[in-house]
Every structure is written in C-alpha cells, then in structure tokens.
Amino acid sequence: MDALTGAADTLSNPSRPRRAPQSCRWGQTTLFLAYPAWLYAWDAPWSCGHQAHAGPLELTDICATCPDWRPRPVSGDS
C-alpha cells in the first residue's frame, strides 16, 4: 500500500475486473443485437448472451452475483 494513494481500489484494479456486463464474456451491447432484440436498447442498454439467462438486463447489478460471470477475453487471446 502506498502512503500517498492509499489502498488499491478493487473497481479499477486491472488484475481483477469489476463484475459487470462490460467486462463479462457474455455481456453484449443491446443496440448491436439483431432485430427485434435491439429494440430493447432504450430500456436495457446491456444484454446477457449466456444460454441460461439470455436477454436484456434492466439492472446490471445482478452481474455482481451471477454464478455464470466470466471475464471477457483480452483481444488477441484464443
């Protein structure tokens, strides 16, 4: 811990991504989905692509406790 900056913030710590649709393997931007799914983008900007609970996410807080949350692969990884 650095005396000037204090403890590391777990929300911005790159070694541990925040559990949100933006950083989840299954998270998708609703606006870029195929018709008719993109029509829900106004109410739910994020959607889940996991087969167990696929669909628009009105609240992204559920990602914090989702058992199927997986980190998004880094570009270039196979």
N, C-alpha and C. Protein backbone atom coordinates (compact mmCIF):
# COMPACT_ATOMS: atom_id res chain seq x y z
N MET A 1 0.85 -1.18 0.00
CA MET A 1 0.00 0.00 0.00
C MET A 1 0.89 1.23 0.00
N ASP A 2 0.55 2.17 -0.83
CA ASP A 2 1.29 3.42 -0.94
C ASP A 2 0.69 4.44 0.02
N ALA A 3 1.55 5.11 0.79
CA ALA A 3 1.07 6.09 1.77
C ALA A 3 0.38 7.27 1.10
N LEU A 4 0.76 7.60 -0.13
CA LEU A 4 0.15 8.74 -0.81
C LEU A 4 -1.20 8.42 -1.45
N THR A 5 -1.33 7.22 -1.97
CA THR A 5 -2.55 6.89 -2.68
C THR A 5 -3.51 6.02 -1.88
N GLY A 6 -3.05 5.36 -0.84
CA GLY A 6 -3.91 4.52 -0.04
C GLY A 6 -4.07 3.14 -0.64
N ALA A 7 -5.08 2.43 -0.21
CA ALA A 7 -5.30 1.06 -0.66
C ALA A 7 -5.73 1.03 -2.12
N ALA A 8 -5.44 -0.07 -2.77
CA ALA A 8 -5.85 -0.24 -4.16
C ALA A 8 -7.36 -0.34 -4.26
N ASP A 9 -7.91 0.31 -5.24
CA ASP A 9 -9.35 0.28 -5.47
C ASP A 9 -9.68 -0.97 -6.30
N THR A 10 -10.51 -1.86 -5.78
CA THR A 10 -10.82 -3.10 -6.49
C THR A 10 -11.66 -2.85 -7.75
N LEU A 11 -12.35 -1.71 -7.83
CA LEU A 11 -13.14 -1.44 -9.03
C LEU A 11 -12.27 -1.05 -10.21
N SER A 12 -11.12 -0.46 -9.95
CA SER A 12 -10.25 -0.04 -11.05
C SER A 12 -8.99 -0.89 -11.15
N ASN A 13 -8.91 -1.95 -10.37
CA ASN A 13 -7.75 -2.82 -10.39
C ASN A 13 -7.79 -3.69 -11.64
N PRO A 14 -6.84 -3.52 -12.57
CA PRO A 14 -6.90 -4.27 -13.83
C PRO A 14 -6.70 -5.77 -13.65
N SER A 15 -6.10 -6.20 -12.55
CA SER A 15 -5.91 -7.63 -12.35
C SER A 15 -7.20 -8.32 -11.91
N ARG A 16 -8.18 -7.55 -11.48
CA ARG A 16 -9.47 -8.10 -11.06
C ARG A 16 -10.58 -7.23 -11.64
N PRO A 17 -11.12 -7.61 -12.80
CA PRO A 17 -12.15 -6.77 -13.42
C PRO A 17 -13.43 -6.73 -12.59
N ARG A 18 -14.13 -5.62 -12.68
CA ARG A 18 -15.41 -5.46 -11.99
C ARG A 18 -16.43 -6.38 -12.62
N ARG A 19 -17.23 -7.02 -11.81
CA ARG A 19 -18.25 -7.95 -12.31
C ARG A 19 -19.44 -7.17 -12.85
N ALA A 20 -19.36 -6.84 -14.12
CA ALA A 20 -20.38 -6.07 -14.81
C ALA A 20 -20.49 -6.60 -16.24
N PRO A 21 -21.57 -6.29 -16.95
CA PRO A 21 -21.70 -6.80 -18.31
C PRO A 21 -20.60 -6.28 -19.25
N GLN A 22 -20.06 -5.11 -18.93
CA GLN A 22 -19.00 -4.54 -19.77
C GLN A 22 -17.74 -5.40 -19.73
N SER A 23 -17.52 -6.11 -18.65
CA SER A 23 -16.30 -6.90 -18.51
C SER A 23 -16.59 -8.40 -18.51
N CYS A 24 -17.82 -8.79 -18.80
CA CYS A 24 -18.20 -10.20 -18.80
C CYS A 24 -18.14 -10.78 -20.21
N ARG A 25 -17.76 -12.04 -20.28
CA ARG A 25 -17.70 -12.73 -21.56
C ARG A 25 -19.07 -12.76 -22.24
N TRP A 26 -20.14 -12.78 -21.46
CA TRP A 26 -21.49 -12.92 -22.00
C TRP A 26 -22.17 -11.57 -22.24
N GLY A 27 -21.60 -10.48 -21.75
CA GLY A 27 -22.23 -9.17 -21.90
C GLY A 27 -22.20 -8.68 -23.33
N GLN A 28 -23.32 -8.14 -23.79
CA GLN A 28 -23.45 -7.64 -25.15
C GLN A 28 -24.17 -6.29 -25.12
N THR A 29 -23.76 -5.40 -26.00
CA THR A 29 -24.47 -4.14 -26.15
C THR A 29 -25.78 -4.42 -26.88
N THR A 30 -26.89 -4.13 -26.26
CA THR A 30 -28.20 -4.47 -26.81
C THR A 30 -28.43 -3.81 -28.18
N LEU A 31 -27.94 -2.61 -28.35
CA LEU A 31 -28.16 -1.88 -29.61
C LEU A 31 -27.57 -2.61 -30.81
N PHE A 32 -26.53 -3.41 -30.62
CA PHE A 32 -25.89 -4.09 -31.73
C PHE A 32 -26.41 -5.51 -31.96
N LEU A 33 -27.45 -5.90 -31.24
CA LEU A 33 -28.03 -7.23 -31.44
C LEU A 33 -28.96 -7.21 -32.65
N ALA A 34 -29.32 -8.38 -33.12
CA ALA A 34 -30.21 -8.50 -34.28
C ALA A 34 -31.64 -8.10 -33.91
N TYR A 35 -32.41 -7.70 -34.92
CA TYR A 35 -33.82 -7.38 -34.73
C TYR A 35 -34.54 -8.62 -34.24
N PRO A 36 -35.43 -8.59 -33.35
CA PRO A 36 -36.02 -7.45 -32.66
C PRO A 36 -35.32 -7.11 -31.33
N ALA A 37 -34.26 -7.84 -30.98
CA ALA A 37 -33.62 -7.63 -29.67
C ALA A 37 -33.09 -6.21 -29.50
N TRP A 38 -32.60 -5.58 -30.57
CA TRP A 38 -32.03 -4.24 -30.42
C TRP A 38 -33.07 -3.20 -30.05
N LEU A 39 -34.35 -3.52 -30.22
CA LEU A 39 -35.41 -2.58 -29.86
C LEU A 39 -35.48 -2.32 -28.36
N TYR A 40 -34.91 -3.21 -27.55
CA TYR A 40 -34.91 -3.06 -26.10
C TYR A 40 -33.77 -2.19 -25.60
N ALA A 41 -32.94 -1.68 -26.48
CA ALA A 41 -31.74 -0.94 -26.08
C ALA A 41 -32.06 0.32 -25.27
N TRP A 42 -33.18 0.93 -25.50
CA TRP A 42 -33.53 2.14 -24.75
C TRP A 42 -33.72 1.84 -23.27
N ASP A 43 -34.39 0.72 -22.97
CA ASP A 43 -34.66 0.33 -21.59
C ASP A 43 -33.55 -0.50 -20.96
N ALA A 44 -32.83 -1.25 -21.77
CA ALA A 44 -31.78 -2.14 -21.28
C ALA A 44 -30.58 -2.06 -22.21
N PRO A 45 -29.65 -1.15 -21.94
CA PRO A 45 -28.51 -0.99 -22.84
C PRO A 45 -27.60 -2.21 -22.92
N TRP A 46 -27.65 -3.09 -21.92
CA TRP A 46 -26.83 -4.30 -21.92
C TRP A 46 -27.72 -5.53 -21.92
N SER A 47 -27.22 -6.59 -22.56
CA SER A 47 -27.91 -7.87 -22.60
C SER A 47 -26.93 -8.97 -22.22
N CYS A 48 -27.49 -10.08 -21.79
CA CYS A 48 -26.68 -11.24 -21.44
C CYS A 48 -26.83 -12.27 -22.55
N GLY A 49 -25.73 -12.84 -22.98
CA GLY A 49 -25.75 -13.83 -24.04
C GLY A 49 -25.63 -15.26 -23.54
N HIS A 50 -25.58 -15.46 -22.22
CA HIS A 50 -25.48 -16.82 -21.67
C HIS A 50 -26.81 -17.53 -21.87
N GLN A 51 -26.77 -18.79 -22.28
CA GLN A 51 -28.00 -19.51 -22.61
C GLN A 51 -28.92 -19.71 -21.41
N ALA A 52 -28.40 -19.72 -20.20
CA ALA A 52 -29.24 -19.94 -19.03
C ALA A 52 -30.13 -18.74 -18.70
N HIS A 53 -29.67 -17.55 -19.02
CA HIS A 53 -30.45 -16.35 -18.71
C HIS A 53 -30.22 -15.27 -19.75
N ALA A 54 -30.34 -15.64 -21.01
CA ALA A 54 -30.13 -14.71 -22.11
C ALA A 54 -31.25 -13.68 -22.16
N GLY A 55 -30.86 -12.46 -22.53
CA GLY A 55 -31.86 -11.42 -22.70
C GLY A 55 -31.38 -10.09 -22.17
N PRO A 56 -32.22 -9.07 -22.31
CA PRO A 56 -31.84 -7.73 -21.87
C PRO A 56 -31.71 -7.64 -20.35
N LEU A 57 -30.78 -6.80 -19.90
CA LEU A 57 -30.55 -6.58 -18.48
C LEU A 57 -31.04 -5.19 -18.10
N GLU A 58 -32.16 -5.12 -17.42
CA GLU A 58 -32.66 -3.82 -16.98
C GLU A 58 -31.79 -3.26 -15.87
N LEU A 59 -31.26 -4.14 -15.02
CA LEU A 59 -30.33 -3.75 -13.96
C LEU A 59 -29.06 -4.56 -14.12
N THR A 60 -27.92 -3.90 -14.16
CA THR A 60 -26.66 -4.61 -14.32
C THR A 60 -26.09 -5.06 -12.98
N ASP A 61 -26.75 -4.71 -11.88
CA ASP A 61 -26.29 -5.13 -10.55
C ASP A 61 -26.31 -6.64 -10.39
N ILE A 62 -27.16 -7.32 -11.13
CA ILE A 62 -27.24 -8.77 -10.99
C ILE A 62 -25.96 -9.46 -11.45
N CYS A 63 -25.17 -8.80 -12.27
CA CYS A 63 -23.90 -9.37 -12.73
C CYS A 63 -22.92 -9.56 -11.58
N ALA A 64 -23.03 -8.75 -10.55
CA ALA A 64 -22.11 -8.83 -9.41
C ALA A 64 -22.22 -10.16 -8.68
N THR A 65 -23.38 -10.80 -8.73
CA THR A 65 -23.58 -12.06 -8.02
C THR A 65 -23.89 -13.23 -8.96
N CYS A 66 -23.76 -13.02 -10.25
CA CYS A 66 -24.08 -14.06 -11.22
C CYS A 66 -23.06 -15.20 -11.16
N PRO A 67 -23.52 -16.45 -11.01
CA PRO A 67 -22.59 -17.58 -10.96
C PRO A 67 -21.95 -17.89 -12.31
N ASP A 68 -22.52 -17.38 -13.39
CA ASP A 68 -22.01 -17.65 -14.74
C ASP A 68 -21.12 -16.54 -15.27
N TRP A 69 -20.84 -15.51 -14.46
CA TRP A 69 -20.00 -14.40 -14.90
C TRP A 69 -18.60 -14.91 -15.19
N ARG A 70 -18.06 -14.54 -16.34
CA ARG A 70 -16.69 -14.90 -16.74
C ARG A 70 -16.02 -13.65 -17.31
N PRO A 71 -14.73 -13.44 -17.04
CA PRO A 71 -14.07 -12.25 -17.59
C PRO A 71 -14.03 -12.29 -19.11
N ARG A 72 -14.17 -11.14 -19.70
CA ARG A 72 -14.11 -11.00 -21.17
C ARG A 72 -12.69 -11.33 -21.62
N PRO A 73 -12.55 -12.14 -22.67
CA PRO A 73 -11.20 -12.44 -23.17
C PRO A 73 -10.51 -11.19 -23.67
N VAL A 74 -9.21 -11.12 -23.46
CA VAL A 74 -8.42 -9.99 -23.94
C VAL A 74 -8.22 -10.15 -25.44
N SER A 75 -8.26 -9.06 -26.19
CA SER A 75 -8.07 -9.12 -27.64
C SER A 75 -6.77 -9.82 -27.97
N GLY A 76 -6.83 -10.72 -28.91
CA GLY A 76 -5.65 -11.47 -29.31
C GLY A 76 -5.54 -12.84 -28.66
N ASP A 77 -6.34 -13.07 -27.59
CA ASP A 77 -6.34 -14.37 -26.95
C ASP A 77 -7.21 -15.32 -27.75
N SER A 78 -6.86 -16.57 -27.76
CA SER A 78 -7.67 -17.57 -28.48
C SER A 78 -8.56 -18.32 -27.55
